[in-house]
Protein backbone atom coordinates (compact mmCIF):
# COMPACT_ATOMS: atom_id res chain seq x y z
CA MET A 1 0.00 0.00 0.00
CA LEU A 2 1.24 3.52 -0.76
CA THR A 3 2.34 5.92 1.93
CA ASP A 4 0.40 9.18 2.21
CA THR A 5 3.40 11.08 0.83
CA LYS A 6 3.64 8.97 -2.31
CA TRP A 7 -0.12 8.98 -2.87
CA ASN A 8 -0.34 12.77 -2.52
CA SER A 9 2.60 13.27 -4.88
CA LEU A 10 0.94 11.09 -7.51
CA ARG A 11 -2.42 12.82 -7.03
CA ARG A 12 -0.89 16.27 -7.53
CA LEU A 13 0.96 15.12 -10.64
CA LEU A 14 -2.22 13.67 -12.16
CA ASP A 15 -4.23 16.76 -11.19
CA LEU A 16 -1.75 18.96 -13.06
CA THR A 17 -1.88 16.86 -16.22
CA GLN A 18 -5.68 16.75 -16.01
CA ASP A 19 -5.81 20.56 -15.77
CA LEU A 20 -3.59 20.75 -18.86
CA ALA A 21 -5.79 18.33 -20.78
CA GLU A 22 -8.96 20.26 -19.86
CA LEU A 23 -7.56 23.75 -20.35
CA HIS A 24 -9.26 24.13 -23.73
CA LEU A 25 -12.64 23.72 -22.01
CA GLU A 26 -12.18 26.81 -19.84
CA ASP A 27 -14.29 29.83 -20.73
CA SER A 28 -11.52 32.42 -20.85
CA GLY A 29 -9.62 34.47 -23.38
CA ALA A 30 -6.64 33.27 -25.39
CA ARG A 31 -4.15 35.36 -23.39
CA ARG A 32 -5.42 34.07 -20.08
CA LYS A 33 -5.23 30.48 -21.34
CA ARG A 34 -1.61 31.01 -22.44
CA LEU A 35 -0.70 32.32 -19.01
CA ARG A 36 -2.57 29.51 -17.32
CA ARG A 37 -0.81 26.91 -19.52
CA ALA A 38 2.59 28.42 -18.74
CA ALA A 39 1.88 28.23 -15.01
CA LEU A 40 0.70 24.63 -15.22
CA LEU A 41 3.78 23.62 -17.22
CA ARG A 42 6.09 25.22 -14.64
CA GLN A 43 4.37 23.28 -11.87
CA LEU A 44 4.53 20.07 -13.93
CA ARG A 45 8.27 20.48 -14.50
CA ALA A 46 8.74 21.00 -10.76
CA ARG A 47 6.89 17.73 -10.10
CA LEU A 48 9.18 15.90 -12.52
CA THR A 49 12.57 16.88 -11.14
CA ARG A 50 14.73 13.97 -10.00
CA ALA A 51 14.16 14.81 -6.32
CA ALA A 52 10.38 15.18 -6.70
CA MET A 53 10.04 11.94 -8.67
CA ARG A 54 11.58 9.98 -5.82
CA GLN A 55 8.43 10.84 -3.84
CA LEU A 56 6.21 9.06 -6.41
CA PRO A 57 5.13 5.38 -6.29
CA SER A 58 7.93 2.93 -7.02
CA PRO A 59 7.33 2.32 -10.79
CA LEU A 60 7.63 6.07 -11.43
CA ALA A 61 10.22 6.80 -8.75
CA LYS A 62 12.62 4.39 -10.47
CA LEU A 63 12.56 6.63 -13.55
CA ALA A 64 14.47 9.28 -11.57
CA THR A 65 17.59 7.19 -12.12
CA ARG A 66 17.21 7.15 -15.92
CA ARG A 67 19.41 10.05 -16.93
CA THR A 68 18.54 9.58 -20.62
CA LEU A 69 14.96 10.76 -20.02
CA SER A 70 14.61 14.48 -20.73
CA ILE A 71 12.10 16.68 -18.95
CA HIS A 72 9.99 16.70 -22.13
CA ALA A 73 10.01 12.88 -22.20
CA LEU A 74 8.84 12.75 -18.58
CA MET A 75 6.09 15.30 -19.29
CA ILE A 76 4.88 13.22 -22.24
CA LEU A 77 4.80 10.15 -20.02
CA ALA A 78 2.81 11.98 -17.35
CA VAL A 79 0.24 13.20 -19.88
CA LEU A 80 -0.20 9.73 -21.36
CA LEU A 81 -0.57 8.21 -17.90
CA GLU A 82 -3.41 10.60 -17.06
CA ARG A 83 -4.94 9.94 -20.47
CA ARG A 84 -4.86 6.17 -19.82
CA ILE A 85 -6.78 6.67 -16.58
CA ALA A 86 -9.28 9.33 -17.62
CA ALA A 87 -10.18 8.67 -21.26
CA SER A 88 -11.81 5.74 -23.04
CA ASP A 89 -9.28 6.22 -25.87
CA PRO A 90 -5.84 6.11 -24.19
CA THR A 91 -3.93 7.26 -27.30
CA LEU A 92 -2.80 10.68 -28.47
CA SER A 93 -1.01 11.65 -31.66
CA GLY A 94 2.51 13.03 -31.41
CA ARG A 95 1.27 16.41 -32.57
CA GLU A 96 -1.50 16.49 -29.94
CA LEU A 97 0.94 15.51 -27.22
CA LEU A 98 3.50 18.18 -27.98
CA GLN A 99 0.92 20.91 -28.54
CA LEU A 100 -0.70 20.01 -25.24
CA LEU A 101 2.67 20.66 -23.63
CA GLY A 102 2.80 24.12 -25.17
CA ALA A 103 5.14 23.44 -28.11
CA SER A 104 5.09 26.03 -30.87
CA SER A 105 5.19 25.05 -34.54
CA ALA A 106 8.97 25.54 -34.57
CA GLU A 107 9.42 23.52 -31.37
CA LEU A 108 7.46 20.64 -32.86
CA LEU A 109 10.37 20.04 -35.23
CA THR A 110 12.94 19.82 -32.45
CA LEU A 111 10.81 17.86 -29.95
CA GLU A 112 9.62 15.30 -32.51
CA ALA A 113 12.79 13.26 -31.85
CA THR A 114 11.38 12.46 -28.40
CA LEU A 115 8.73 10.35 -30.17
CA GLN A 116 10.90 8.64 -32.77
CA HIS A 117 11.69 4.91 -32.72
CA GLY A 118 14.86 4.37 -30.74
CA SER A 119 14.20 7.28 -28.38
CA PRO A 120 14.54 6.59 -24.62
CA LEU A 121 10.74 6.62 -24.17
CA LEU A 122 10.15 3.94 -26.79
CA ARG A 123 13.35 2.01 -26.26
CA GLY A 124 12.66 1.79 -22.54
CA SER A 125 9.16 0.31 -23.01
CA LEU A 126 7.56 3.26 -21.23
CA ILE A 127 5.15 4.11 -24.02
CA SER A 128 3.72 2.10 -26.92
CA ALA A 129 3.51 3.48 -30.45
CA ARG A 130 1.79 2.97 -33.75
CA GLY A 131 3.99 4.87 -36.14
CA ASP A 132 6.29 7.55 -34.79
CA GLY A 133 6.88 11.28 -34.80
CA LEU A 134 4.11 13.84 -35.14
CA ASP A 135 1.67 11.52 -36.90
CA GLY A 136 2.25 8.45 -34.74
CA ARG A 137 -0.18 7.49 -32.01
CA PHE A 138 1.08 6.88 -28.49
CA ARG A 139 -0.14 5.46 -25.18
CA VAL A 140 1.48 4.61 -21.87
CA HIS A 141 2.88 1.10 -21.92
CA GLU A 142 0.48 -1.39 -20.37
CA ARG A 143 3.22 -3.03 -18.32
CA LEU A 144 4.16 0.27 -16.66
CA PHE A 145 0.49 1.10 -16.08
CA ALA A 146 -0.15 -2.32 -14.51
CA GLN A 147 2.84 -1.89 -12.20
CA LEU A 148 1.57 1.51 -11.09
CA ARG A 149 -1.96 0.20 -10.56
CA HIS A 150 -0.69 -2.70 -8.45
CA SER A 151 1.48 -0.31 -6.47
CA CYS A 152 -1.53 1.90 -5.73
CA THR A 153 -3.89 -0.91 -4.75
CA GLY A 154 -1.35 -3.00 -2.87
CA ARG A 155 -2.29 -6.07 -4.93
CA ALA A 156 0.91 -6.70 -6.81
CA ALA A 157 0.54 -9.93 -8.71
CA ARG A 158 2.48 -12.81 -7.17
CA ALA A 159 4.03 -15.34 -9.44
CA ASN A 160 1.96 -18.50 -9.49
CA THR A 161 4.16 -21.41 -8.47
CA LYS A 162 1.40 -23.79 -7.39
CA PRO A 163 1.49 -27.36 -8.73
CA PHE A 164 -0.61 -28.04 -11.81
CA ARG A 165 -3.90 -29.73 -11.01
CA ASP A 166 -3.98 -31.75 -14.21
CA ALA A 167 -2.88 -31.92 -17.86
CA SER A 168 -5.63 -29.53 -18.94
CA GLU A 169 -4.38 -26.73 -16.68
CA TYR A 170 -0.86 -27.39 -17.95
CA MET A 171 -2.00 -26.96 -21.56
CA VAL A 172 -3.59 -23.60 -20.73
CA ALA A 173 -0.30 -22.46 -19.15
CA LEU A 174 1.60 -23.65 -22.24
CA ARG A 175 -0.81 -21.66 -24.38
CA ASP A 176 0.12 -18.46 -22.51
CA TRP A 177 3.80 -19.22 -23.14
CA VAL A 178 3.16 -19.83 -26.84
CA LEU A 179 1.15 -16.61 -27.14
CA LEU A 180 4.14 -14.57 -25.99
CA HIS A 181 6.21 -16.11 -28.80
CA GLU A 182 3.44 -15.31 -31.27
CA VAL A 183 3.38 -11.65 -30.25
CA ARG A 184 7.18 -11.50 -30.45
CA ALA A 185 7.03 -12.96 -33.99
CA ALA A 186 4.38 -10.38 -34.91
CA VAL A 187 6.76 -7.60 -33.83
CA VAL A 188 9.98 -9.01 -35.28
CA PHE A 189 8.41 -10.32 -38.52
CA PRO A 190 5.62 -7.84 -39.38
CA TRP A 191 5.16 -9.38 -42.85
CA SER A 192 4.34 -12.83 -41.42
CA CYS A 193 1.06 -14.54 -40.52
CA TRP A 194 1.73 -13.70 -36.88
CA ARG A 195 1.05 -10.00 -37.54
CA ASP A 196 -2.28 -11.04 -39.06
CA ILE A 197 -3.12 -12.94 -35.87
CA HIS A 198 -1.80 -10.19 -33.56
CA PRO A 199 -2.29 -7.02 -35.65
CA GLU A 200 -1.37 -4.45 -32.97
CA PRO A 201 1.41 -5.84 -30.77
CA GLU A 202 2.35 -3.23 -28.18
CA ALA A 203 5.46 -4.64 -26.53
CA GLU A 204 9.07 -4.16 -27.54
CA PRO A 205 11.05 -7.30 -28.51
CA VAL A 206 13.38 -6.92 -25.52
CA LEU A 207 10.46 -6.74 -23.10
CA LEU A 208 8.76 -9.70 -24.76
CA GLN A 209 11.93 -11.75 -24.48
CA GLN A 210 12.08 -10.99 -20.75
CA LEU A 211 8.43 -12.03 -20.35
CA ILE A 212 9.07 -15.23 -22.29
CA GLU A 213 12.01 -16.12 -20.06
CA ARG A 214 10.09 -15.36 -16.85
CA THR A 215 7.08 -17.35 -18.03
CA ARG A 216 9.29 -20.31 -18.93
CA ALA A 217 10.98 -20.18 -15.52
CA ARG A 218 7.59 -20.09 -13.79
CA LEU A 219 6.36 -23.06 -15.84
CA LEU A 220 9.45 -25.06 -14.93
CA ALA A 221 9.01 -24.17 -11.25
CA ARG A 222 5.39 -25.36 -11.31
CA GLU A 223 6.42 -28.54 -13.16
CA ALA A 224 8.96 -29.29 -10.42
CA ARG A 225 6.22 -29.07 -7.77
CA THR A 226 3.76 -31.24 -9.69
CA PRO A 227 3.66 -35.06 -9.30
CA PRO A 228 4.97 -36.35 -12.66
CA ALA A 229 2.03 -38.76 -13.01
CA ARG A 230 -0.30 -35.78 -13.49
CA LEU A 231 1.51 -34.52 -16.58
CA PRO A 232 1.93 -36.91 -19.52
CA TRP A 233 4.02 -34.19 -21.15
CA LEU A 234 6.87 -34.88 -18.72
CA ALA A 235 6.97 -38.59 -19.53
CA PHE A 236 6.91 -37.77 -23.24
CA ARG A 237 9.80 -35.34 -22.72
CA ALA A 238 11.90 -37.99 -20.99
CA GLU A 239 11.06 -40.66 -23.57
CA HIS A 240 12.27 -38.51 -26.46
CA ASN A 241 15.11 -36.81 -24.54
CA LEU A 242 13.78 -33.29 -25.21
CA THR A 243 15.13 -30.18 -23.51
CA ALA A 244 12.63 -28.94 -20.93
CA LEU A 245 10.59 -26.22 -22.64
CA GLY A 246 13.25 -25.88 -25.33
CA LEU A 247 12.68 -25.04 -28.99
CA GLU A 248 11.40 -28.49 -29.93
CA GLU A 249 8.86 -28.35 -27.12
CA LEU A 250 7.86 -24.84 -28.19
CA VAL A 251 6.99 -26.21 -31.63
CA LEU A 252 5.03 -29.10 -30.11
CA ALA A 253 3.26 -26.77 -27.67
CA SER A 254 2.30 -24.41 -30.48
CA LEU A 255 0.86 -27.20 -32.63
CA ALA A 256 -0.91 -28.85 -29.68
CA THR A 257 -2.47 -25.70 -28.24
CA HIS A 258 -3.60 -24.47 -31.66
CA GLU A 259 -5.23 -27.81 -32.28
CA LEU A 260 -7.04 -27.50 -28.95
CA PHE A 261 -7.91 -23.82 -28.81
CA THR A 262 -8.12 -22.36 -32.33
CA ALA A 263 -9.66 -23.04 -35.71
CA LEU A 264 -6.68 -21.75 -37.70
CA PRO A 265 -5.33 -23.69 -40.68
CA PRO A 266 -2.00 -25.51 -40.27
CA PHE A 267 1.09 -23.35 -40.09
CA GLY A 268 3.90 -23.69 -42.59
CA ILE A 269 7.53 -24.47 -41.86
CA GLY A 270 8.39 -20.79 -42.27
CA ASP A 271 5.70 -19.74 -39.77
CA ILE A 272 6.98 -22.16 -37.13
CA VAL A 273 10.59 -21.09 -37.62
CA ARG A 274 9.64 -17.42 -37.18
CA LEU A 275 7.66 -18.30 -34.05
CA ALA A 276 10.79 -19.84 -32.52
CA SER A 277 13.11 -16.96 -33.50
CA ALA A 278 13.89 -13.86 -31.47
CA ASP A 279 15.36 -12.05 -34.49
CA THR A 280 16.09 -12.44 -38.19
CA ARG A 281 19.44 -14.07 -37.51
CA GLU A 282 17.81 -16.85 -35.51
CA ALA A 283 15.29 -17.33 -38.32
CA VAL A 284 18.19 -18.63 -40.41
CA THR A 285 19.69 -20.99 -37.82
CA HIS A 286 16.37 -22.26 -36.46
CA ARG A 287 15.38 -23.76 -39.80
CA ALA A 288 17.22 -26.82 -38.50
CA LEU A 289 14.28 -27.43 -36.14
CA LEU A 290 12.19 -28.79 -38.98
CA GLU A 291 14.82 -30.35 -41.20
CA PRO A 292 14.14 -34.02 -42.07
CA ALA A 293 17.07 -35.14 -39.91
CA GLY A 294 15.92 -33.09 -36.92
CA VAL A 295 14.41 -34.65 -33.81
CA LEU A 296 10.86 -33.55 -34.56
CA ARG A 297 10.62 -35.04 -38.05
CA SER A 298 12.95 -38.03 -37.69
CA SER A 299 11.05 -39.18 -34.59
CA LEU A 300 7.70 -38.55 -36.31
CA LEU A 301 6.67 -36.08 -33.63
CA VAL A 302 5.42 -33.75 -36.37
CA ASP A 303 4.07 -34.44 -39.84
CA VAL A 304 5.12 -32.17 -42.70
CA GLU A 305 3.20 -32.18 -45.97
CA VAL A 306 5.87 -31.97 -48.67
CA ASP A 307 5.99 -32.60 -52.41
CA ALA A 308 9.48 -32.10 -53.80
CA ASP A 309 11.26 -29.65 -51.46
CA PRO A 310 11.49 -31.09 -47.92
CA MET A 311 12.05 -27.56 -46.53
CA ASP A 312 9.36 -25.76 -48.49
CA PRO A 313 8.50 -22.83 -46.15
CA LEU A 314 4.81 -23.19 -47.06
CA ALA A 315 4.67 -26.93 -46.28
CA ALA A 316 2.00 -27.51 -43.61
CA VAL A 317 3.19 -28.76 -40.22
CA ARG A 318 0.92 -30.83 -37.97
CA LEU A 319 1.31 -32.65 -34.70
CA GLY A 320 2.32 -36.26 -35.35
CA LYS A 321 0.01 -39.06 -34.25
CA THR A 322 2.38 -40.24 -31.52
CA ALA A 323 2.70 -36.75 -30.06
CA ARG A 324 -1.02 -36.08 -30.36
CA GLU A 325 -1.95 -39.23 -28.44
CA ALA A 326 0.65 -38.61 -25.78
CA LEU A 327 0.34 -34.85 -25.28
CA LEU A 328 -3.28 -33.83 -25.77
CA PRO A 329 -5.33 -34.32 -22.60
CA ALA A 330 -7.78 -37.19 -22.99
CA PRO A 331 -11.36 -36.65 -21.77
CA ASP A 332 -12.07 -38.34 -18.46
CA ALA A 333 -14.54 -41.13 -19.19
CA GLY A 334 -15.08 -41.88 -15.50
CA PRO A 335 -15.50 -45.34 -13.97
CA ALA A 336 -17.49 -47.84 -16.01
CA ASP A 337 -21.03 -48.61 -14.78
CA PRO A 338 -21.20 -52.39 -13.93
CA ARG A 339 -24.87 -52.54 -14.97
CA GLU A 340 -24.10 -51.04 -18.38
CA ARG A 341 -21.28 -53.57 -18.81
CA GLN A 342 -23.69 -56.47 -18.06
CA ARG A 343 -26.28 -55.14 -20.51
CA PHE A 344 -23.60 -54.80 -23.20
CA HIS A 345 -22.42 -58.39 -22.72
CA ALA A 346 -26.04 -59.64 -22.85
CA TYR A 347 -26.54 -57.71 -26.07
CA LEU A 348 -23.43 -59.29 -27.62
CA ALA A 349 -24.60 -62.77 -26.57
CA GLN A 350 -27.90 -62.30 -28.43
CA LEU A 351 -26.25 -61.29 -31.70
CA LYS A 352 -26.32 -64.05 -34.31
CA ASP A 353 -24.03 -62.57 -36.97
CA SER A 354 -23.00 -59.26 -38.54
CA SER A 355 -26.24 -58.96 -40.51
CA ASP A 356 -28.18 -59.22 -37.24
CA PHE A 357 -25.98 -56.43 -35.82
CA TYR A 358 -26.81 -54.05 -38.69
CA ARG A 359 -30.51 -54.85 -38.43
CA ARG A 360 -30.46 -53.85 -34.78
CA LEU A 361 -28.74 -50.50 -35.47
């Protein structure tokens, strides 16, 4: 829970940015609005000095140590934070943002660099962007907003390290892990099918990679606390000598969870390779995952529909029969009813031949 000092500092900061956002609604002359804007901006700058920021909740206080963030970058972040809280549309264009902060037409040219790809705001995963510069659209990054919200409510999410109840719960957790790879592929390979599936990915590749690694570590921790008999996946892993949640298992998890949870057509070799790759360089080396001599194809864990070229990037990849039977959770049929078993045996005893069977159908 926040201390009174931190809560009051945050409230004053948000009140200032709200006054700026609503200044155009005031019924006053242009000169008075200019003076009012100048006063609000002075107060906002004072709230965003390094010393003042240390009095804010932890996710924002940590930004005081980032010397690469200019005062204009911090002001943009504050405006977008208030916008995320107060408006149904959390985005603003670069032009709207800078004009809201009092930039003149000439200053727009010099301050536009604050909103370009590679700038500290975007590189540091503090804001998300569609496009960049004056015509891009920006919002506070959801991860930063979630951290601030948890800090304010005192309900910071604890990592779930409980044992898995059953194979079905494990498959849902694998699906979350696979989804992070899909979003990463949508960012790194915007011309691929993954961008069609995730058309507006908001995270930066570096942040996604960190999330992928943390999610994998949490999955492994929960596996270690789960009785192996509950998870057929673990026995399958040992049987085929697969690395725990390595690249081969990522491919199998992707194919298995898509078969369970989506109605998408089969992915091609190229799609799967991009899913497993953190960058374009890995997309070259990770082609080995689906080569005929690789573990997945040589052990018949996946089926690849090929004509002439065994590495045709469009060749459809499906879960092999062995993997499907071993990995996909089977429905629980429950204990057999003894009375039903007796009736079935009596029925079989009455049958004379196959023609009698079809007549009874």
